[in-house]
Structure formats: structure tokens, C-alpha cells
Amino acid sequence: MKVLMVLTSHDTLGDTGRKTGFWLEELAAPYYAFREAGAEITLASPLGGQPPLDPKSNEPANQTDATRRFEVDANAMAQLASTVKLASVSQDQFDAVFYPGGHGPLWDLAEDETSIALIENFLAARKPVAFVCHAPGVLRHVKTAEGRPLVQGKKVTGFANSEEDGVGLTDIVPFLVEDELKAKGGIYSRGPDWGSYVIQDGLLITGQNPGSSPATARALIDAVKVIDAVKSDA
């Protein structure tokens, strides 16, 4: 199994002067879930190289066993420091793609034509795609082969408005993930704030928040296994 993980290259939280980026738990927990499933992992970002870490994600209250493991894992840290440029990869190199969140993707990946085309190409090739927390926001301009919003009529989840309000960034982010998914016709649902909640609709897998990262990764692994089993029976 070959899995592509796509990280943000955006490091500025609007005009607040504060830093943002990817959320460490949303990289670390899926990273180890994929590794333990025997996957070969490639990390990519729009600019390549070291993607920006949201500093809040590494504060003691937000650290987890997975984040602590990642930070002392020399191989993982070296891979993170040298992500490949997103424009250099294509869906035919991988079995699935996973987008960690953090606020950064709302500014760059949500508007990135390369990312949009990549997601569309994965789905056209009948390969599963997964997004957690703020990352479902990168689907805002992704379309089906018929030109409709990808999420239209699809069951989806993502960072809830109440969770954004809870971190005090409702008026800072360029758009609210929950509102955008609904505006594009998504059938949005959610669990309790900060609890694990994952929705799968066909090849599209979405997780609500950082705590949903492990389950979102497992759902992607299972989706790949189902596809492989079907191919083996064909």
C-alpha cells in the first residue's frame, strides 16, 4: 500500500501576526496507523521542504503519544523536513491520499489548483481520499466529472462551527468548514465537540477534528483493503 499525505505550506493566521500550519496530531496518528499497516508513505506540500507546524498543536495540552513518538522518530522528522513538491506527484503513484488539517490548508490547499486536480484524479481512478478536521475545507472547489461540487449530496463532516468558536478563530479563518461543506450541498453531520467522528461516503472519508485522526486513517486503510480484495476477486 502506498499512501500520499498532503500538508499545508501556509504559516500565517490571517492578519493576526500569529503562526499556523498543519496540526501535529493529524499527521502523527495517521502516519503511524499507515506505517503499522505496512504502507509506504510519501509526504508532500505545495512548496516542498519543511511544512509549517501550528505551534499550538505542540503545546503540552495538545500532545499525544503519537506526537511524542513522531518528534523522537529521526526517520519521520527527516521525511517531514523534506516533503516533496505537490506538483511532482500524481495519483498513479499511490493507492490513497490523506490530508491532515490545521488551519493552514484553508488558505493554500483550499485554493490550490494542483491539489484540486489531484483529488479529482484520485477519485476518477476509483481510489479513496481522506480529510480530517479543517482539511475537508480543501474540497470547496473540487468537482465531480460532471462538474458538480464533489460534496454535493455526499455525507461529510469536518471541523464544526462550535469547535472553531471554541478556539476563538471564527472571525479569523477565510471560511468555516462546516458552513462551506453545507453551502456546497454536502450532507453535513457531526459528533460532540472534540470527540472522534468519521463519515465515509463511497471513496470519500472525512473526520471531524484532531481526535478523529486515528479513526479516519483506519477507515482509509480499510477502504484500500476492500478495493484490493475486489481486484483480487476480479
C-alpha atoms as a PDB file:
ATOM      1  CA  MET A   1       0.000   0.000   0.000  1.00  0.00           C
ATOM      2  CA  LYS A   2       1.306   3.434  -0.971  1.00  0.00           C
ATOM      3  CA  VAL A   3      -0.213   6.449   0.768  1.00  0.00           C
ATOM      4  CA  LEU A   4       0.308  10.113  -0.059  1.00  0.00           C
ATOM      5  CA  MET A   5      -0.092  12.595   2.819  1.00  0.00           C
ATOM      6  CA  VAL A   6      -0.571  16.222   1.767  1.00  0.00           C
ATOM      7  CA  LEU A   7       0.412  19.007   4.163  1.00  0.00           C
ATOM      8  CA  THR A   8      -0.065  22.771   4.031  1.00  0.00           C
ATOM      9  CA  SER A   9       2.713  25.245   3.267  1.00  0.00           C
ATOM     10  CA  HIS A  10       0.810  28.208   4.746  1.00  0.00           C
ATOM     11  CA  ASP A  11       2.102  29.602   8.041  1.00  0.00           C
ATOM     12  CA  THR A  12       0.207  32.843   8.748  1.00  0.00           C
ATOM     13  CA  LEU A  13      -3.070  33.050  10.670  1.00  0.00           C
ATOM     14  CA  GLY A  14      -4.788  35.774   8.678  1.00  0.00           C
ATOM     15  CA  ASP A  15      -3.570  39.221   9.661  1.00  0.00           C
ATOM     16  CA  THR A  16      -3.205  38.379  13.350  1.00  0.00           C
ATOM     17  CA  GLY A  17       0.571  38.109  13.210  1.00  0.00           C
ATOM     18  CA  ARG A  18       0.243  34.611  14.706  1.00  0.00           C
ATOM     19  CA  LYS A  19       1.596  31.435  13.150  1.00  0.00           C
ATOM     20  CA  THR A  20      -0.369  28.481  11.869  1.00  0.00           C
ATOM     21  CA  GLY A  21       0.306  25.423   9.713  1.00  0.00           C
ATOM     22  CA  PHE A  22      -0.527  21.729   9.999  1.00  0.00           C
ATOM     23  CA  TRP A  23      -1.762  20.125  13.215  1.00  0.00           C
ATOM     24  CA  LEU A  24       0.786  17.637  14.505  1.00  0.00           C
ATOM     25  CA  GLU A  25      -1.640  15.010  15.858  1.00  0.00           C
ATOM     26  CA  GLU A  26      -3.389  14.903  12.492  1.00  0.00           C
ATOM     27  CA  LEU A  27      -0.115  13.970  10.843  1.00  0.00           C
ATOM     28  CA  ALA A  28       1.387  11.773  13.541  1.00  0.00           C
ATOM     29  CA  ALA A  29      -1.512   9.468  14.418  1.00  0.00           C
ATOM     30  CA  PRO A  30      -2.356   8.627  10.776  1.00  0.00           C
ATOM     31  CA  TYR A  31       1.342   8.344   9.912  1.00  0.00           C
ATOM     32  CA  TYR A  32       1.796   5.527  12.410  1.00  0.00           C
ATOM     33  CA  ALA A  33      -1.511   3.907  11.519  1.00  0.00           C
ATOM     34  CA  PHE A  34      -0.339   3.726   7.913  1.00  0.00           C
ATOM     35  CA  ARG A  35       3.128   2.517   8.855  1.00  0.00           C
ATOM     36  CA  GLU A  36       1.738  -0.203  11.079  1.00  0.00           C
ATOM     37  CA  ALA A  37      -0.467  -1.304   8.183  1.00  0.00           C
ATOM     38  CA  GLY A  38       2.700  -1.763   6.141  1.00  0.00           C
ATOM     39  CA  ALA A  39       2.189   1.293   3.959  1.00  0.00           C
ATOM     40  CA  GLU A  40       4.871   3.204   2.134  1.00  0.00           C
ATOM     41  CA  ILE A  41       4.267   6.876   2.963  1.00  0.00           C
ATOM     42  CA  THR A  42       5.129   9.950   0.920  1.00  0.00           C
ATOM     43  CA  LEU A  43       4.736  13.433   2.425  1.00  0.00           C
ATOM     44  CA  ALA A  44       4.035  16.314   0.063  1.00  0.00           C
ATOM     45  CA  SER A  45       3.254  20.030   0.333  1.00  0.00           C
ATOM     46  CA  PRO A  46       2.696  22.844  -2.187  1.00  0.00           C
ATOM     47  CA  LEU A  47       6.161  24.337  -1.665  1.00  0.00           C
ATOM     48  CA  GLY A  48       8.025  21.172  -0.696  1.00  0.00           C
ATOM     49  CA  GLY A  49      10.577  21.032   2.090  1.00  0.00           C
ATOM     50  CA  GLN A  50       9.677  21.643   5.736  1.00  0.00           C
ATOM     51  CA  PRO A  51       5.981  22.485   6.122  1.00  0.00           C
ATOM     52  CA  PRO A  52       4.997  24.865   8.936  1.00  0.00           C
ATOM     53  CA  LEU A  53       3.808  23.337  12.184  1.00  0.00           C
ATOM     54  CA  ASP A  54       0.991  25.074  14.014  1.00  0.00           C
ATOM     55  CA  PRO A  55       2.782  25.876  17.291  1.00  0.00           C
ATOM     56  CA  LYS A  56      -0.390  25.355  19.319  1.00  0.00           C
ATOM     57  CA  SER A  57      -0.506  21.736  18.177  1.00  0.00           C
ATOM     58  CA  ASN A  58       2.737  21.085  20.029  1.00  0.00           C
ATOM     59  CA  GLU A  59       1.708  22.683  23.308  1.00  0.00           C
ATOM     60  CA  PRO A  60       1.579  20.205  26.223  1.00  0.00           C
ATOM     61  CA  ALA A  61      -2.230  20.115  26.306  1.00  0.00           C
ATOM     62  CA  ASN A  62      -2.354  19.038  22.659  1.00  0.00           C
ATOM     63  CA  GLN A  63       0.450  16.486  22.691  1.00  0.00           C
ATOM     64  CA  THR A  64      -0.401  12.794  22.423  1.00  0.00           C
ATOM     65  CA  ASP A  65       1.521   9.546  22.434  1.00  0.00           C
ATOM     66  CA  ALA A  66       1.627   9.770  18.635  1.00  0.00           C
ATOM     67  CA  THR A  67       3.021  13.325  18.566  1.00  0.00           C
ATOM     68  CA  ARG A  68       5.679  12.498  21.150  1.00  0.00           C
ATOM     69  CA  ARG A  69       6.624   9.386  19.202  1.00  0.00           C
ATOM     70  CA  PHE A  70       6.862  11.349  15.973  1.00  0.00           C
ATOM     71  CA  GLU A  71       9.130  14.006  17.431  1.00  0.00           C
ATOM     72  CA  VAL A  72      11.740  11.477  18.552  1.00  0.00           C
ATOM     73  CA  ASP A  73      11.472   9.448  15.344  1.00  0.00           C
ATOM     74  CA  ALA A  74      14.518  10.524  13.325  1.00  0.00           C
ATOM     75  CA  ASN A  75      13.236   8.970  10.105  1.00  0.00           C
ATOM     76  CA  ALA A  76       9.816  10.597  10.406  1.00  0.00           C
ATOM     77  CA  MET A  77      11.296  14.001  11.207  1.00  0.00           C
ATOM     78  CA  ALA A  78      13.706  13.742   8.278  1.00  0.00           C
ATOM     79  CA  GLN A  79      10.833  12.870   5.968  1.00  0.00           C
ATOM     80  CA  LEU A  80       8.853  15.846   7.275  1.00  0.00           C
ATOM     81  CA  ALA A  81      11.781  18.182   6.694  1.00  0.00           C
ATOM     82  CA  SER A  82      11.961  17.198   3.035  1.00  0.00           C
ATOM     83  CA  THR A  83       8.387  16.884   1.772  1.00  0.00           C
ATOM     84  CA  VAL A  84       8.172  16.618  -1.984  1.00  0.00           C
ATOM     85  CA  LYS A  85       6.509  19.335  -4.028  1.00  0.00           C
ATOM     86  CA  LEU A  86       2.857  18.578  -4.600  1.00  0.00           C
ATOM     87  CA  ALA A  87       3.180  19.302  -8.312  1.00  0.00           C
ATOM     88  CA  SER A  88       5.691  16.451  -8.621  1.00  0.00           C
ATOM     89  CA  VAL A  89       3.288  13.674  -7.609  1.00  0.00           C
ATOM     90  CA  SER A  90       0.358  12.023  -9.355  1.00  0.00           C
ATOM     91  CA  GLN A  91      -2.379   9.642  -8.319  1.00  0.00           C
ATOM     92  CA  ASP A  92      -0.964   6.748 -10.329  1.00  0.00           C
ATOM     93  CA  GLN A  93       1.921   6.513  -7.835  1.00  0.00           C
ATOM     94  CA  PHE A  94      -0.372   5.830  -4.876  1.00  0.00           C
ATOM     95  CA  ASP A  95      -3.291   3.793  -3.597  1.00  0.00           C
ATOM     96  CA  ALA A  96      -4.827   6.554  -1.479  1.00  0.00           C
ATOM     97  CA  VAL A  97      -4.363  10.132  -0.285  1.00  0.00           C
ATOM     98  CA  PHE A  98      -4.772  11.622   3.202  1.00  0.00           C
ATOM     99  CA  TYR A  99      -4.965  15.321   4.090  1.00  0.00           C
ATOM    100  CA  PRO A 100      -4.154  16.315   7.693  1.00  0.00           C
ATOM    101  CA  GLY A 101      -5.721  19.551   8.871  1.00  0.00           C
ATOM    102  CA  GLY A 102      -4.649  22.521  10.895  1.00  0.00           C
ATOM    103  CA  HIS A 103      -5.790  25.983   9.852  1.00  0.00           C
ATOM    104  CA  GLY A 104      -3.137  26.363   7.140  1.00  0.00           C
ATOM    105  CA  PRO A 105      -4.989  24.350   4.450  1.00  0.00           C
ATOM    106  CA  LEU A 106      -7.878  26.831   4.497  1.00  0.00           C
ATOM    107  CA  TRP A 107      -5.578  29.411   2.921  1.00  0.00           C
ATOM    108  CA  ASP A 108      -3.460  27.417   0.486  1.00  0.00           C
ATOM    109  CA  LEU A 109      -4.708  23.903  -0.292  1.00  0.00           C
ATOM    110  CA  ALA A 110      -8.345  25.015  -0.497  1.00  0.00           C
ATOM    111  CA  GLU A 111      -7.407  27.243  -3.434  1.00  0.00           C
ATOM    112  CA  ASP A 112      -4.534  25.208  -4.901  1.00  0.00           C
ATOM    113  CA  GLU A 113      -5.301  24.055  -8.452  1.00  0.00           C
ATOM    114  CA  THR A 114      -2.735  21.256  -8.208  1.00  0.00           C
ATOM    115  CA  SER A 115      -4.379  19.890  -5.077  1.00  0.00           C
ATOM    116  CA  ILE A 116      -7.852  20.205  -6.559  1.00  0.00           C
ATOM    117  CA  ALA A 117      -6.814  18.301  -9.693  1.00  0.00           C
ATOM    118  CA  LEU A 118      -5.012  15.667  -7.642  1.00  0.00           C
ATOM    119  CA  ILE A 119      -8.107  14.881  -5.579  1.00  0.00           C
ATOM    120  CA  GLU A 120     -10.254  14.751  -8.693  1.00  0.00           C
ATOM    121  CA  ASN A 121      -7.746  12.392 -10.330  1.00  0.00           C
ATOM    122  CA  PHE A 122      -7.690  10.044  -7.324  1.00  0.00           C
ATOM    123  CA  LEU A 123     -11.469   9.780  -7.408  1.00  0.00           C
ATOM    124  CA  ALA A 124     -11.552   9.340 -11.183  1.00  0.00           C
ATOM    125  CA  ALA A 125      -9.165   6.413 -10.712  1.00  0.00           C
ATOM    126  CA  ARG A 126     -11.520   4.955  -8.072  1.00  0.00           C
ATOM    127  CA  LYS A 127      -9.053   5.464  -5.216  1.00  0.00           C
ATOM    128  CA  PRO A 128     -10.094   6.563  -1.702  1.00  0.00           C
ATOM    129  CA  VAL A 129      -9.399  10.042  -0.355  1.00  0.00           C
ATOM    130  CA  ALA A 130      -9.498  11.136   3.298  1.00  0.00           C
ATOM    131  CA  PHE A 131      -9.520  14.506   5.066  1.00  0.00           C
ATOM    132  CA  VAL A 132      -9.540  15.331   8.767  1.00  0.00           C
ATOM    133  CA  CYS A 133     -10.531  18.390  10.838  1.00  0.00           C
ATOM    134  CA  HIS A 134     -10.001  21.526   8.695  1.00  0.00           C
ATOM    135  CA  ALA A 135      -8.816  19.503   5.704  1.00  0.00           C
ATOM    136  CA  PRO A 136     -12.351  18.799   4.413  1.00  0.00           C
ATOM    137  CA  GLY A 137     -12.303  22.520   3.591  1.00  0.00           C
ATOM    138  CA  VAL A 138      -9.886  21.783   0.747  1.00  0.00           C
ATOM    139  CA  LEU A 139     -12.831  20.155  -1.048  1.00  0.00           C
ATOM    140  CA  ARG A 140     -14.590  23.502  -1.599  1.00  0.00           C
ATOM    141  CA  HIS A 141     -13.594  23.738  -5.286  1.00  0.00           C
ATOM    142  CA  VAL A 142     -13.251  20.009  -6.063  1.00  0.00           C
ATOM    143  CA  LYS A 143     -15.765  18.834  -8.630  1.00  0.00           C
ATOM    144  CA  THR A 144     -17.159  15.599  -9.979  1.00  0.00           C
ATOM    145  CA  ALA A 145     -16.605  14.520 -13.571  1.00  0.00           C
ATOM    146  CA  GLU A 146     -19.986  16.128 -14.330  1.00  0.00           C
ATOM    147  CA  GLY A 147     -18.841  19.483 -12.957  1.00  0.00           C
ATOM    148  CA  ARG A 148     -20.854  19.450  -9.720  1.00  0.00           C
ATOM    149  CA  PRO A 149     -19.313  20.150  -6.305  1.00  0.00           C
ATOM    150  CA  LEU A 150     -17.808  16.878  -5.106  1.00  0.00           C
ATOM    151  CA  VAL A 151     -19.530  17.034  -1.732  1.00  0.00           C
ATOM    152  CA  GLN A 152     -22.981  17.755  -3.189  1.00  0.00           C
ATOM    153  CA  GLY A 153     -25.295  15.032  -1.892  1.00  0.00           C
ATOM    154  CA  LYS A 154     -22.427  13.334  -0.038  1.00  0.00           C
ATOM    155  CA  LYS A 155     -22.325  12.575   3.673  1.00  0.00           C
ATOM    156  CA  VAL A 156     -19.461  14.590   5.132  1.00  0.00           C
ATOM    157  CA  THR A 157     -18.075  16.006   8.350  1.00  0.00           C
ATOM    158  CA  GLY A 158     -15.316  18.423   9.309  1.00  0.00           C
ATOM    159  CA  PHE A 159     -14.339  20.947  11.968  1.00  0.00           C
ATOM    160  CA  ALA A 160     -17.602  22.150  13.476  1.00  0.00           C
ATOM    161  CA  ASN A 161     -18.582  25.798  13.835  1.00  0.00           C
ATOM    162  CA  SER A 162     -18.794  25.315  17.597  1.00  0.00           C
ATOM    163  CA  GLU A 163     -15.242  23.944  17.645  1.00  0.00           C
ATOM    164  CA  GLU A 164     -13.976  26.924  15.634  1.00  0.00           C
ATOM    165  CA  ASP A 165     -15.750  29.200  18.077  1.00  0.00           C
ATOM    166  CA  GLY A 166     -14.155  27.272  20.912  1.00  0.00           C
ATOM    167  CA  VAL A 167     -10.660  28.104  19.646  1.00  0.00           C
ATOM    168  CA  GLY A 168     -11.634  31.725  19.044  1.00  0.00           C
ATOM    169  CA  LEU A 169     -10.940  31.835  15.321  1.00  0.00           C
ATOM    170  CA  THR A 170     -14.416  32.155  13.814  1.00  0.00           C
ATOM    171  CA  ASP A 171     -13.721  35.684  12.617  1.00  0.00           C
ATOM    172  CA  ILE A 172     -10.129  34.939  11.533  1.00  0.00           C
ATOM    173  CA  VAL A 173     -10.422  31.978   9.173  1.00  0.00           C
ATOM    174  CA  PRO A 174     -11.254  32.646   5.495  1.00  0.00           C
ATOM    175  CA  PHE A 175     -14.293  30.377   5.776  1.00  0.00           C
ATOM    176  CA  LEU A 176     -15.903  27.980   8.239  1.00  0.00           C
ATOM    177  CA  VAL A 177     -15.528  24.335   7.247  1.00  0.00           C
ATOM    178  CA  GLU A 178     -18.995  23.320   8.407  1.00  0.00           C
ATOM    179  CA  ASP A 179     -20.678  26.214   6.600  1.00  0.00           C
ATOM    180  CA  GLU A 180     -18.697  25.643   3.396  1.00  0.00           C
ATOM    181  CA  LEU A 181     -19.494  21.930   3.222  1.00  0.00           C
ATOM    182  CA  LYS A 182     -23.190  22.723   3.666  1.00  0.00           C
ATOM    183  CA  ALA A 183     -23.038  25.547   1.099  1.00  0.00           C
ATOM    184  CA  LYS A 184     -21.632  23.126  -1.475  1.00  0.00           C
ATOM    185  CA  GLY A 185     -24.526  20.734  -0.893  1.00  0.00           C
ATOM    186  CA  GLY A 186     -22.817  18.345   1.486  1.00  0.00           C
ATOM    187  CA  ILE A 187     -24.948  16.350   3.912  1.00  0.00           C
ATOM    188  CA  TYR A 188     -23.043  17.505   6.968  1.00  0.00           C
ATOM    189  CA  SER A 189     -23.224  15.741  10.312  1.00  0.00           C
ATOM    190  CA  ARG A 190     -21.093  15.900  13.431  1.00  0.00           C
ATOM    191  CA  GLY A 191     -20.451  14.321  16.773  1.00  0.00           C
ATOM    192  CA  PRO A 192     -19.712  16.013  20.092  1.00  0.00           C
ATOM    193  CA  ASP A 193     -17.058  18.729  20.089  1.00  0.00           C
ATOM    194  CA  TRP A 194     -13.565  17.178  20.147  1.00  0.00           C
ATOM    195  CA  GLY A 195     -14.878  13.609  20.055  1.00  0.00           C
ATOM    196  CA  SER A 196     -13.922  11.121  17.353  1.00  0.00           C
ATOM    197  CA  TYR A 197     -16.388  11.227  14.469  1.00  0.00           C
ATOM    198  CA  VAL A 198     -15.789   9.869  10.963  1.00  0.00           C
ATOM    199  CA  ILE A 199     -18.071   9.649   7.940  1.00  0.00           C
ATOM    200  CA  GLN A 200     -17.482   7.581   4.822  1.00  0.00           C
ATOM    201  CA  ASP A 201     -19.491   8.017   1.643  1.00  0.00           C
ATOM    202  CA  GLY A 202     -18.085   5.806  -1.071  1.00  0.00           C
ATOM    203  CA  LEU A 203     -14.476   6.766  -1.713  1.00  0.00           C
ATOM    204  CA  LEU A 204     -14.764   9.973   0.354  1.00  0.00           C
ATOM    205  CA  ILE A 205     -13.752   9.795   4.022  1.00  0.00           C
ATOM    206  CA  THR A 206     -13.924  12.780   6.380  1.00  0.00           C
ATOM    207  CA  GLY A 207     -13.113  13.196  10.075  1.00  0.00           C
ATOM    208  CA  GLN A 208     -14.377  15.993  12.309  1.00  0.00           C
ATOM    209  CA  ASN A 209     -11.423  17.079  14.447  1.00  0.00           C
ATOM    210  CA  PRO A 210      -7.957  16.118  15.755  1.00  0.00           C
ATOM    211  CA  GLY A 211      -9.399  13.343  17.890  1.00  0.00           C
ATOM    212  CA  SER A 212     -10.842  11.790  14.727  1.00  0.00           C
ATOM    213  CA  SER A 213      -7.422  11.345  13.119  1.00  0.00           C
ATOM    214  CA  PRO A 214      -6.758   7.697  14.065  1.00  0.00           C
ATOM    215  CA  ALA A 215     -10.232   6.535  13.026  1.00  0.00           C
ATOM    216  CA  THR A 216     -10.052   8.474   9.753  1.00  0.00           C
ATOM    217  CA  ALA A 217      -6.746   6.802   8.937  1.00  0.00           C
ATOM    218  CA  ARG A 218      -8.132   3.359   9.772  1.00  0.00           C
ATOM    219  CA  ALA A 219     -11.127   3.995   7.520  1.00  0.00           C
ATOM    220  CA  LEU A 220      -8.774   4.844   4.657  1.00  0.00           C
ATOM    221  CA  ILE A 221      -6.719   1.694   5.245  1.00  0.00           C
ATOM    222  CA  ASP A 222      -9.904  -0.410   5.245  1.00  0.00           C
ATOM    223  CA  ALA A 223     -11.096   1.262   2.042  1.00  0.00           C
ATOM    224  CA  VAL A 224      -7.858   0.349   0.275  1.00  0.00           C
ATOM    225  CA  LYS A 225      -8.144  -3.236   1.515  1.00  0.00           C
ATOM    226  CA  VAL A 226     -11.691  -3.512   0.179  1.00  0.00           C
ATOM    227  CA  ILE A 227     -10.607  -2.242  -3.233  1.00  0.00           C
ATOM    228  CA  ASP A 228      -7.647  -4.640  -3.284  1.00  0.00           C
ATOM    229  CA  ALA A 229      -9.921  -7.545  -2.369  1.00  0.00           C
ATOM    230  CA  VAL A 230     -12.306  -6.691  -5.184  1.00  0.00           C
ATOM    231  CA  LYS A 231      -9.415  -6.533  -7.626  1.00  0.00           C
ATOM    232  CA  SER A 232      -8.150  -9.922  -6.418  1.00  0.00           C
ATOM    233  CA  ASP A 233     -11.579 -11.485  -6.965  1.00  0.00           C
ATOM    234  CA  ALA A 234     -11.962  -9.971 -10.428  1.00  0.00           C
END
